[in-house]
C-alpha atoms as a PDB file:
ATOM      1  CA  MET A   1      77.165 193.585  75.084  1.00  0.00           C
ATOM      2  CA  ASP A   2      78.659 190.545  76.770  1.00  0.00           C
ATOM      3  CA  ARG A   3      77.996 187.932  74.084  1.00  0.00           C
ATOM      4  CA  PHE A   4      78.456 185.000  76.428  1.00  0.00           C
ATOM      5  CA  GLN A   5      75.925 186.356  78.914  1.00  0.00           C
ATOM      6  CA  ALA A   6      73.512 187.219  76.099  1.00  0.00           C
ATOM      7  CA  ILE A   7      73.749 183.726  74.578  1.00  0.00           C
ATOM      8  CA  SER A   8      73.312 182.162  78.037  1.00  0.00           C
ATOM      9  CA  ALA A   9      70.246 184.306  78.668  1.00  0.00           C
ATOM     10  CA  PHE A  10      68.758 183.450  75.275  1.00  0.00           C
ATOM     11  CA  ALA A  11      69.317 179.713  75.798  1.00  0.00           C
ATOM     12  CA  LYS A  12      67.748 179.844  79.258  1.00  0.00           C
ATOM     13  CA  VAL A  13      64.687 181.719  77.922  1.00  0.00           C
ATOM     14  CA  VAL A  14      64.166 179.034  75.289  1.00  0.00           C
ATOM     15  CA  GLU A  15      64.732 176.202  77.778  1.00  0.00           C
ATOM     16  CA  LEU A  16      62.229 177.588  80.312  1.00  0.00           C
ATOM     17  CA  GLY A  17      59.847 179.223  77.840  1.00  0.00           C
ATOM     18  CA  SER A  18      59.709 182.484  79.745  1.00  0.00           C
ATOM     19  CA  PHE A  19      61.767 185.631  80.289  1.00  0.00           C
ATOM     20  CA  ALA A  20      60.620 185.774  83.910  1.00  0.00           C
ATOM     21  CA  ARG A  21      61.560 182.175  84.706  1.00  0.00           C
ATOM     22  CA  ALA A  22      64.914 182.613  82.953  1.00  0.00           C
ATOM     23  CA  ALA A  23      65.587 185.766  84.978  1.00  0.00           C
ATOM     24  CA  GLU A  24      64.750 183.946  88.207  1.00  0.00           C
ATOM     25  CA  ARG A  25      67.077 181.062  87.322  1.00  0.00           C
ATOM     26  CA  LEU A  26      69.899 183.482  86.389  1.00  0.00           C
ATOM     27  CA  SER A  27      69.275 185.670  89.476  1.00  0.00           C
ATOM     28  CA  VAL A  28      68.811 188.850  87.426  1.00  0.00           C
ATOM     29  CA  SER A  29      65.840 191.047  86.555  1.00  0.00           C
ATOM     30  CA  THR A  30      63.409 190.216  83.781  1.00  0.00           C
ATOM     31  CA  SER A  31      64.251 193.490  82.064  1.00  0.00           C
ATOM     32  CA  ALA A  32      67.946 192.562  82.062  1.00  0.00           C
ATOM     33  CA  VAL A  33      67.246 189.245  80.330  1.00  0.00           C
ATOM     34  CA  SER A  34      64.944 190.935  77.818  1.00  0.00           C
ATOM     35  CA  ARG A  35      67.600 193.551  77.075  1.00  0.00           C
ATOM     36  CA  GLN A  36      70.315 190.891  76.586  1.00  0.00           C
ATOM     37  CA  VAL A  37      68.193 188.954  74.103  1.00  0.00           C
ATOM     38  CA  ALA A  38      67.268 192.144  72.227  1.00  0.00           C
ATOM     39  CA  GLU A  39      70.934 193.166  72.024  1.00  0.00           C
ATOM     40  CA  LEU A  40      71.840 189.685  70.758  1.00  0.00           C
ATOM     41  CA  GLU A  41      69.185 189.930  68.023  1.00  0.00           C
ATOM     42  CA  ALA A  42      70.490 193.374  67.055  1.00  0.00           C
ATOM     43  CA  TYR A  43      74.058 192.085  66.959  1.00  0.00           C
ATOM     44  CA  LEU A  44      73.056 189.129  64.756  1.00  0.00           C
ATOM     45  CA  ASP A  45      70.653 191.278  62.715  1.00  0.00           C
ATOM     46  CA  ALA A  46      68.079 188.494  63.003  1.00  0.00           C
ATOM     47  CA  ARG A  47      64.933 187.855  65.028  1.00  0.00           C
ATOM     48  CA  LEU A  48      65.428 184.807  67.229  1.00  0.00           C
ATOM     49  CA  LEU A  49      62.132 184.744  69.122  1.00  0.00           C
ATOM     50  CA  ASN A  50      58.532 185.469  68.228  1.00  0.00           C
ATOM     51  CA  ARG A  51      56.921 187.097  71.269  1.00  0.00           C
ATOM     52  CA  THR A  52      53.218 187.307  72.065  1.00  0.00           C
ATOM     53  CA  THR A  53      51.424 188.055  75.313  1.00  0.00           C
ATOM     54  CA  ARG A  54      50.886 184.333  75.906  1.00  0.00           C
ATOM     55  CA  ARG A  55      53.845 182.449  74.510  1.00  0.00           C
ATOM     56  CA  LEU A  56      57.292 182.518  72.983  1.00  0.00           C
ATOM     57  CA  SER A  57      58.364 180.583  69.892  1.00  0.00           C
ATOM     58  CA  LEU A  58      61.622 180.244  68.022  1.00  0.00           C
ATOM     59  CA  THR A  59      62.034 181.575  64.530  1.00  0.00           C
ATOM     60  CA  GLU A  60      63.821 179.394  61.995  1.00  0.00           C
ATOM     61  CA  ALA A  61      67.024 181.365  62.600  1.00  0.00           C
ATOM     62  CA  GLY A  62      66.423 181.151  66.340  1.00  0.00           C
ATOM     63  CA  GLN A  63      66.091 177.369  66.237  1.00  0.00           C
ATOM     64  CA  ALA A  64      69.396 176.983  64.391  1.00  0.00           C
ATOM     65  CA  PHE A  65      71.135 179.435  66.725  1.00  0.00           C
ATOM     66  CA  TYR A  66      69.694 177.754  69.819  1.00  0.00           C
ATOM     67  CA  GLU A  67      70.950 174.314  68.797  1.00  0.00           C
ATOM     68  CA  ARG A  68      74.472 175.631  68.263  1.00  0.00           C
ATOM     69  CA  SER A  69      74.303 177.741  71.444  1.00  0.00           C
ATOM     70  CA  VAL A  70      73.422 174.734  73.590  1.00  0.00           C
ATOM     71  CA  GLN A  71      76.325 172.820  72.098  1.00  0.00           C
ATOM     72  CA  LEU A  72      78.685 175.775  72.626  1.00  0.00           C
ATOM     73  CA  LEU A  73      77.641 176.257  76.257  1.00  0.00           C
ATOM     74  CA  ALA A  74      77.981 172.549  76.998  1.00  0.00           C
ATOM     75  CA  GLU A  75      81.463 172.460  75.493  1.00  0.00           C
ATOM     76  CA  LEU A  76      82.443 175.532  77.502  1.00  0.00           C
ATOM     77  CA  ASP A  77      81.268 173.795  80.674  1.00  0.00           C
ATOM     78  CA  GLU A  78      83.415 170.812  79.771  1.00  0.00           C
ATOM     79  CA  ALA A  79      86.420 173.043  79.041  1.00  0.00           C
ATOM     80  CA  GLU A  80      86.090 174.587  82.496  1.00  0.00           C
ATOM     81  CA  SER A  81      85.866 171.105  83.978  1.00  0.00           C
ATOM     82  CA  VAL A  82      89.157 170.154  82.310  1.00  0.00           C
ATOM     83  CA  VAL A  83      90.889 173.058  84.019  1.00  0.00           C
ATOM     84  CA  ARG A  84      89.217 172.711  87.403  1.00  0.00           C
ATOM     85  CA  THR A  85      89.487 168.980  87.926  1.00  0.00           C
ATOM     86  CA  ALA A  86      92.291 166.494  87.495  1.00  0.00           C
ATOM     87  CA  THR A  87      89.871 163.860  86.222  1.00  0.00           C
ATOM     88  CA  VAL A  88      87.605 164.822  83.343  1.00  0.00           C
ATOM     89  CA  VAL A  89      84.052 163.630  83.924  1.00  0.00           C
ATOM     90  CA  PRO A  90      81.945 163.337  80.750  1.00  0.00           C
ATOM     91  CA  LYS A  91      78.905 165.560  81.133  1.00  0.00           C
ATOM     92  CA  GLY A  92      76.550 167.707  79.133  1.00  0.00           C
ATOM     93  CA  ARG A  93      74.567 166.566  76.108  1.00  0.00           C
ATOM     94  CA  LEU A  94      75.986 164.251  73.434  1.00  0.00           C
ATOM     95  CA  ARG A  95      74.281 164.579  70.044  1.00  0.00           C
ATOM     96  CA  LEU A  96      74.616 161.277  68.227  1.00  0.00           C
ATOM     97  CA  THR A  97      73.294 159.821  64.983  1.00  0.00           C
ATOM     98  CA  CYS A  98      73.251 156.192  63.838  1.00  0.00           C
ATOM     99  CA  GLY A  99      71.457 153.857  61.455  1.00  0.00           C
ATOM    100  CA  ILE A 100      68.128 152.554  62.700  1.00  0.00           C
ATOM    101  CA  THR A 101      68.702 148.815  63.031  1.00  0.00           C
ATOM    102  CA  PHE A 102      72.265 148.951  64.375  1.00  0.00           C
ATOM    103  CA  GLY A 103      71.225 151.730  66.723  1.00  0.00           C
ATOM    104  CA  VAL A 104      68.303 149.836  68.226  1.00  0.00           C
ATOM    105  CA  ARG A 105      69.973 146.436  68.474  1.00  0.00           C
ATOM    106  CA  TYR A 106      73.560 147.257  69.420  1.00  0.00           C
ATOM    107  CA  LEU A 107      74.061 150.938  70.192  1.00  0.00           C
ATOM    108  CA  ALA A 108      71.151 151.187  72.645  1.00  0.00           C
ATOM    109  CA  PRO A 109      72.668 148.712  75.156  1.00  0.00           C
ATOM    110  CA  ALA A 110      76.006 150.520  74.863  1.00  0.00           C
ATOM    111  CA  ILE A 111      74.390 153.891  75.574  1.00  0.00           C
ATOM    112  CA  ALA A 112      72.517 152.430  78.541  1.00  0.00           C
ATOM    113  CA  GLU A 113      75.725 151.083  80.088  1.00  0.00           C
ATOM    114  CA  PHE A 114      77.717 154.249  79.418  1.00  0.00           C
ATOM    115  CA  GLY A 115      74.882 156.424  80.716  1.00  0.00           C
ATOM    116  CA  MET A 116      74.770 154.527  84.013  1.00  0.00           C
ATOM    117  CA  ARG A 117      78.524 155.031  84.409  1.00  0.00           C
ATOM    118  CA  HIS A 118      78.242 158.763  83.729  1.00  0.00           C
ATOM    119  CA  PRO A 119      75.008 160.166  85.218  1.00  0.00           C
ATOM    120  CA  GLN A 120      75.981 163.757  84.332  1.00  0.00           C
ATOM    121  CA  LEU A 121      75.838 162.955  80.619  1.00  0.00           C
ATOM    122  CA  SER A 122      72.640 163.054  78.563  1.00  0.00           C
ATOM    123  CA  PHE A 123      72.022 161.956  74.973  1.00  0.00           C
ATOM    124  CA  ASP A 124      70.224 163.436  71.996  1.00  0.00           C
ATOM    125  CA  LEU A 125      69.776 160.578  69.503  1.00  0.00           C
ATOM    126  CA  ASP A 126      68.811 160.677  65.839  1.00  0.00           C
ATOM    127  CA  LEU A 127      68.261 157.286  64.200  1.00  0.00           C
ATOM    128  CA  SER A 128      68.289 157.490  60.428  1.00  0.00           C
ATOM    129  CA  ASP A 129      69.710 155.389  57.615  1.00  0.00           C
ATOM    130  CA  ARG A 130      70.648 158.485  55.610  1.00  0.00           C
ATOM    131  CA  THR A 131      74.138 159.994  55.855  1.00  0.00           C
ATOM    132  CA  THR A 132      73.831 163.171  57.906  1.00  0.00           C
ATOM    133  CA  ASP A 133      76.102 166.211  57.692  1.00  0.00           C
ATOM    134  CA  LEU A 134      77.572 166.250  61.195  1.00  0.00           C
ATOM    135  CA  VAL A 135      78.818 169.834  61.081  1.00  0.00           C
ATOM    136  CA  GLU A 136      75.798 171.312  59.328  1.00  0.00           C
ATOM    137  CA  GLU A 137      73.310 169.535  61.595  1.00  0.00           C
ATOM    138  CA  GLY A 138      75.269 170.006  64.804  1.00  0.00           C
ATOM    139  CA  PHE A 139      76.060 166.395  65.708  1.00  0.00           C
ATOM    140  CA  ASP A 140      78.974 165.475  67.952  1.00  0.00           C
ATOM    141  CA  LEU A 141      79.303 161.938  66.662  1.00  0.00           C
ATOM    142  CA  ALA A 142      77.963 159.347  64.244  1.00  0.00           C
ATOM    143  CA  VAL A 143      78.237 155.568  64.189  1.00  0.00           C
ATOM    144  CA  ARG A 144      78.340 154.642  60.518  1.00  0.00           C
ATOM    145  CA  ILE A 145      78.348 151.510  58.429  1.00  0.00           C
ATOM    146  CA  GLY A 146      80.673 151.927  55.451  1.00  0.00           C
ATOM    147  CA  THR A 147      82.643 154.999  54.446  1.00  0.00           C
ATOM    148  CA  GLY A 148      83.130 157.692  57.062  1.00  0.00           C
ATOM    149  CA  GLY A 149      81.971 160.530  54.855  1.00  0.00           C
ATOM    150  CA  PRO A 150      83.474 163.723  53.408  1.00  0.00           C
ATOM    151  CA  PRO A 151      86.978 165.037  54.180  1.00  0.00           C
ATOM    152  CA  GLY A 152      87.418 166.780  57.513  1.00  0.00           C
ATOM    153  CA  LEU A 153      85.909 163.952  59.551  1.00  0.00           C
ATOM    154  CA  VAL A 154      87.807 161.589  61.806  1.00  0.00           C
ATOM    155  CA  ALA A 155      86.798 157.907  61.718  1.00  0.00           C
ATOM    156  CA  ARG A 156      87.743 155.378  64.394  1.00  0.00           C
ATOM    157  CA  ARG A 157      87.029 151.794  63.459  1.00  0.00           C
ATOM    158  CA  LEU A 158      84.811 149.859  65.859  1.00  0.00           C
ATOM    159  CA  GLY A 159      84.416 146.622  63.904  1.00  0.00           C
ATOM    160  CA  HIS A 160      83.107 145.353  60.603  1.00  0.00           C
ATOM    161  CA  THR A 161      80.085 143.760  59.028  1.00  0.00           C
ATOM    162  CA  ARG A 162      79.483 141.481  56.041  1.00  0.00           C
ATOM    163  CA  LEU A 163      76.757 141.870  53.484  1.00  0.00           C
ATOM    164  CA  ILE A 164      74.945 138.542  53.056  1.00  0.00           C
ATOM    165  CA  CYS A 165      72.927 137.596  50.001  1.00  0.00           C
ATOM    166  CA  CYS A 166      69.916 135.510  51.004  1.00  0.00           C
ATOM    167  CA  ALA A 167      66.334 134.547  50.222  1.00  0.00           C
ATOM    168  CA  SER A 168      63.522 132.574  51.808  1.00  0.00           C
ATOM    169  CA  PRO A 169      63.155 128.804  51.281  1.00  0.00           C
ATOM    170  CA  ALA A 170      59.771 129.427  49.644  1.00  0.00           C
ATOM    171  CA  TYR A 171      61.251 131.870  47.122  1.00  0.00           C
ATOM    172  CA  LEU A 172      64.103 129.491  46.272  1.00  0.00           C
ATOM    173  CA  ALA A 173      61.671 126.596  45.829  1.00  0.00           C
ATOM    174  CA  ALA A 174      59.708 128.664  43.328  1.00  0.00           C
ATOM    175  CA  HIS A 175      62.588 130.372  41.458  1.00  0.00           C
ATOM    176  CA  GLY A 176      65.655 128.186  41.971  1.00  0.00           C
ATOM    177  CA  GLU A 177      68.916 129.019  43.730  1.00  0.00           C
ATOM    178  CA  PRO A 178      71.580 131.209  42.062  1.00  0.00           C
ATOM    179  CA  ARG A 179      75.007 129.567  41.814  1.00  0.00           C
ATOM    180  CA  HIS A 180      76.959 132.549  40.467  1.00  0.00           C
ATOM    181  CA  PRO A 181      76.447 136.319  40.909  1.00  0.00           C
ATOM    182  CA  GLU A 182      75.442 136.593  37.237  1.00  0.00           C
ATOM    183  CA  ASP A 183      72.492 134.288  37.954  1.00  0.00           C
ATOM    184  CA  LEU A 184      70.953 137.175  39.937  1.00  0.00           C
ATOM    185  CA  LEU A 185      70.105 138.801  36.603  1.00  0.00           C
ATOM    186  CA  ARG A 186      67.240 136.314  36.377  1.00  0.00           C
ATOM    187  CA  HIS A 187      66.009 136.872  39.944  1.00  0.00           C
ATOM    188  CA  GLN A 188      63.803 139.400  41.675  1.00  0.00           C
ATOM    189  CA  CYS A 189      66.046 141.509  43.911  1.00  0.00           C
ATOM    190  CA  LEU A 190      65.225 143.764  46.838  1.00  0.00           C
ATOM    191  CA  GLU A 191      67.475 146.833  46.758  1.00  0.00           C
ATOM    192  CA  TYR A 192      68.694 149.142  49.510  1.00  0.00           C
ATOM    193  CA  SER A 193      68.391 152.774  48.387  1.00  0.00           C
ATOM    194  CA  TYR A 194      71.510 154.051  50.152  1.00  0.00           C
ATOM    195  CA  LEU A 195      74.024 151.665  48.576  1.00  0.00           C
ATOM    196  CA  PRO A 196      76.848 153.635  46.894  1.00  0.00           C
ATOM    197  CA  ALA A 197      75.907 152.302  43.437  1.00  0.00           C
ATOM    198  CA  LEU A 198      72.230 151.765  42.722  1.00  0.00           C
ATOM    199  CA  SER A 199      71.213 148.563  40.920  1.00  0.00           C
ATOM    200  CA  ALA A 200      74.730 147.150  41.282  1.00  0.00           C
ATOM    201  CA  TRP A 201      75.890 144.464  43.725  1.00  0.00           C
ATOM    202  CA  THR A 202      79.565 143.495  43.956  1.00  0.00           C
ATOM    203  CA  PHE A 203      80.786 140.073  45.075  1.00  0.00           C
ATOM    204  CA  GLU A 204      84.286 138.719  45.659  1.00  0.00           C
ATOM    205  CA  ASP A 205      85.475 135.158  45.096  1.00  0.00           C
ATOM    206  CA  ARG A 206      87.991 133.289  47.232  1.00  0.00           C
ATOM    207  CA  GLU A 207      90.870 134.458  45.033  1.00  0.00           C
ATOM    208  CA  GLY A 208      89.912 138.083  45.624  1.00  0.00           C
ATOM    209  CA  ARG A 209      88.487 138.679  42.144  1.00  0.00           C
ATOM    210  CA  ARG A 210      85.514 141.010  42.077  1.00  0.00           C
ATOM    211  CA  HIS A 211      82.262 140.172  40.318  1.00  0.00           C
ATOM    212  CA  PRO A 212      79.981 143.202  39.870  1.00  0.00           C
ATOM    213  CA  VAL A 213      76.484 142.425  38.692  1.00  0.00           C
ATOM    214  CA  ARG A 214      73.632 144.653  37.587  1.00  0.00           C
ATOM    215  CA  ILE A 215      70.406 143.717  39.287  1.00  0.00           C
ATOM    216  CA  SER A 216      66.785 144.341  38.488  1.00  0.00           C
ATOM    217  CA  SER A 217      65.108 145.513  41.687  1.00  0.00           C
ATOM    218  CA  ARG A 218      61.493 144.644  42.239  1.00  0.00           C
ATOM    219  CA  VAL A 219      61.435 146.717  45.427  1.00  0.00           C
ATOM    220  CA  ARG A 220      63.745 149.561  46.458  1.00  0.00           C
ATOM    221  CA  ALA A 221      63.619 150.852  50.053  1.00  0.00           C
ATOM    222  CA  ASN A 222      65.719 152.964  52.388  1.00  0.00           C
ATOM    223  CA  ASN A 223      65.515 150.566  55.341  1.00  0.00           C
ATOM    224  CA  GLY A 224      67.191 147.173  55.578  1.00  0.00           C
ATOM    225  CA  ARG A 225      64.718 145.694  58.054  1.00  0.00           C
ATOM    226  CA  MET A 226      61.867 146.418  55.627  1.00  0.00           C
ATOM    227  CA  LEU A 227      63.721 144.651  52.794  1.00  0.00           C
ATOM    228  CA  THR A 228      64.561 141.724  55.061  1.00  0.00           C
ATOM    229  CA  ALA A 229      60.895 141.361  56.051  1.00  0.00           C
ATOM    230  CA  LEU A 230      59.945 141.301  52.365  1.00  0.00           C
ATOM    231  CA  ALA A 231      62.591 138.641  51.700  1.00  0.00           C
ATOM    232  CA  VAL A 232      61.236 136.500  54.552  1.00  0.00           C
ATOM    233  CA  ALA A 233      57.800 136.855  52.976  1.00  0.00           C
ATOM    234  CA  GLY A 234      59.200 135.375  49.735  1.00  0.00           C
ATOM    235  CA  LEU A 235      59.256 138.469  47.544  1.00  0.00           C
ATOM    236  CA  GLY A 236      62.864 138.228  46.378  1.00  0.00           C
ATOM    237  CA  VAL A 237      66.607 138.100  47.042  1.00  0.00           C
ATOM    238  CA  VAL A 238      68.101 140.556  49.523  1.00  0.00           C
ATOM    239  CA  LEU A 239      71.671 141.763  50.195  1.00  0.00           C
ATOM    240  CA  GLU A 240      71.872 143.110  53.744  1.00  0.00           C
ATOM    241  CA  PRO A 241      74.384 143.314  56.630  1.00  0.00           C
ATOM    242  CA  ASP A 242      74.781 140.297  58.884  1.00  0.00           C
ATOM    243  CA  PHE A 243      73.573 142.262  61.913  1.00  0.00           C
ATOM    244  CA  ILE A 244      70.181 142.562  60.178  1.00  0.00           C
ATOM    245  CA  VAL A 245      69.726 139.149  58.550  1.00  0.00           C
ATOM    246  CA  ALA A 246      71.592 136.871  61.019  1.00  0.00           C
ATOM    247  CA  PRO A 247      68.537 136.314  63.291  1.00  0.00           C
ATOM    248  CA  GLU A 248      66.399 135.352  60.284  1.00  0.00           C
ATOM    249  CA  ILE A 249      69.071 132.970  58.975  1.00  0.00           C
ATOM    250  CA  ARG A 250      69.476 131.290  62.380  1.00  0.00           C
ATOM    251  CA  ALA A 251      65.706 130.823  62.553  1.00  0.00           C
ATOM    252  CA  GLY A 252      65.618 129.262  59.073  1.00  0.00           C
ATOM    253  CA  ARG A 253      63.450 132.014  57.599  1.00  0.00           C
ATOM    254  CA  LEU A 254      66.237 133.019  55.204  1.00  0.00           C
ATOM    255  CA  ARG A 255      68.944 130.940  53.519  1.00  0.00           C
ATOM    256  CA  PRO A 256      72.401 132.348  52.630  1.00  0.00           C
ATOM    257  CA  LEU A 257      73.255 132.243  48.925  1.00  0.00           C
ATOM    258  CA  LEU A 258      76.453 132.167  46.863  1.00  0.00           C
ATOM    259  CA  PRO A 259      78.704 130.746  49.620  1.00  0.00           C
ATOM    260  CA  GLN A 260      81.786 130.892  47.341  1.00  0.00           C
ATOM    261  CA  PHE A 261      81.202 134.581  46.653  1.00  0.00           C
ATOM    262  CA  ALA A 262      80.865 137.302  49.252  1.00  0.00           C
ATOM    263  CA  PRO A 263      80.881 141.103  49.168  1.00  0.00           C
ATOM    264  CA  PRO A 264      83.974 142.705  50.761  1.00  0.00           C
ATOM    265  CA  ARG A 265      83.760 143.403  54.475  1.00  0.00           C
ATOM    266  CA  THR A 266      82.323 146.799  55.420  1.00  0.00           C
ATOM    267  CA  PRO A 267      83.769 148.827  58.313  1.00  0.00           C
ATOM    268  CA  ILE A 268      81.735 150.095  61.246  1.00  0.00           C
ATOM    269  CA  ALA A 269      83.205 153.321  62.585  1.00  0.00           C
ATOM    270  CA  ALA A 270      82.664 156.157  65.038  1.00  0.00           C
ATOM    271  CA  VAL A 271      82.894 159.364  63.024  1.00  0.00           C
ATOM    272  CA  TYR A 272      83.244 162.889  64.372  1.00  0.00           C
ATOM    273  CA  PRO A 273      84.331 166.317  63.116  1.00  0.00           C
ATOM    274  CA  SER A 274      88.060 166.916  63.219  1.00  0.00           C
ATOM    275  CA  ARG A 275      88.874 169.197  66.129  1.00  0.00           C
ATOM    276  CA  ARG A 276      92.167 170.098  67.687  1.00  0.00           C
ATOM    277  CA  HIS A 277      90.708 169.702  71.178  1.00  0.00           C
ATOM    278  CA  LEU A 278      88.236 166.820  71.145  1.00  0.00           C
ATOM    279  CA  SER A 279      85.347 167.133  73.598  1.00  0.00           C
ATOM    280  CA  PRO A 280      85.849 164.897  76.668  1.00  0.00           C
ATOM    281  CA  LYS A 281      82.349 163.438  76.288  1.00  0.00           C
ATOM    282  CA  VAL A 282      83.043 162.412  72.671  1.00  0.00           C
ATOM    283  CA  ARG A 283      86.485 161.029  73.464  1.00  0.00           C
ATOM    284  CA  ALA A 284      85.202 158.991  76.422  1.00  0.00           C
ATOM    285  CA  PHE A 285      82.247 157.565  74.498  1.00  0.00           C
ATOM    286  CA  VAL A 286      84.323 156.646  71.425  1.00  0.00           C
ATOM    287  CA  ASP A 287      86.898 154.929  73.655  1.00  0.00           C
ATOM    288  CA  PHE A 288      84.078 153.035  75.352  1.00  0.00           C
ATOM    289  CA  LEU A 289      82.564 151.892  72.038  1.00  0.00           C
ATOM    290  CA  ALA A 290      85.954 150.805  70.685  1.00  0.00           C
ATOM    291  CA  ASP A 291      86.542 148.684  73.783  1.00  0.00           C
ATOM    292  CA  ARG A 292      83.010 147.259  73.795  1.00  0.00           C
ATOM    293  CA  PHE A 293      83.087 146.173  70.153  1.00  0.00           C
ATOM    294  CA  SER A 294      86.745 145.071  70.104  1.00  0.00           C
ATOM    295  CA  SER A 295      85.834 141.421  70.708  1.00  0.00           C
ATOM    296  CA  GLU A 296      84.133 139.297  68.055  1.00  0.00           C
ATOM    297  CA  PRO A 297      80.770 140.976  67.463  1.00  0.00           C
ATOM    298  CA  THR A 298      77.618 139.102  68.413  1.00  0.00           C
ATOM    299  CA  TRP A 299      75.881 139.793  65.097  1.00  0.00           C
ATOM    300  CA  THR A 300      78.152 137.603  62.937  1.00  0.00           C
ATOM    301  CA  LEU A 301      77.025 134.172  61.799  1.00  0.00           C
END
């Protein structure tokens, strides 16, 4: 069995949803494609496709194998392009994950510009505030706020963000304004679920001394925009990145607190699995992001 041909045949069957259409696209017989897929299943000792007279569907193992196969075939295409052409043109599919708010507000325009420059490149985007396992879930790249993740990943810094403590004018009128981080013990706080330490906010004074404080959270949520909306509505004090709360502060719907104390700056980085030969599409896109965000970011106050 030629494993490359078998994987290519399997991927084409899944893409087109038919052995016959895959055979036509590959310029071989339907029986040849069927035999290649059957030999691949025998080699892997796993069923990849459920077959009925009317439709095909992927098994759980087939779905996982298909996702990796598409990535493998795309990278092979790029490797051939490196050899065949003097100039590497980013192409194929780039699987990318990013937090929801930063992705929508700042990464989307970057992807649009990069995509227009490189029409042979397509994107598969996953917006989530959780920290994904890039290798396990088959991602080429992540744009992350904070730590890059476990060992074995490469992180290239794109910029930074500041966490800003703030509340609405109506909330402050009703509950008073905190003057020191310890005053937050007496306030209703809105807590982000994915902070490294739950129920703990850390501030830093102008001399660099740290002031950790335990908070009592009235609401805990896994999305910063939700918490910011609740803060605007007067429900409590929020600690969120400037790229989320800056528009609300400029509009007067939120007021920054504790101006003499601020959490340490948080890095924004492009993170990707460590590979000896980095994919041209990943390298080109990371270089583009680093250049785009090298100037003073637009989300700061």
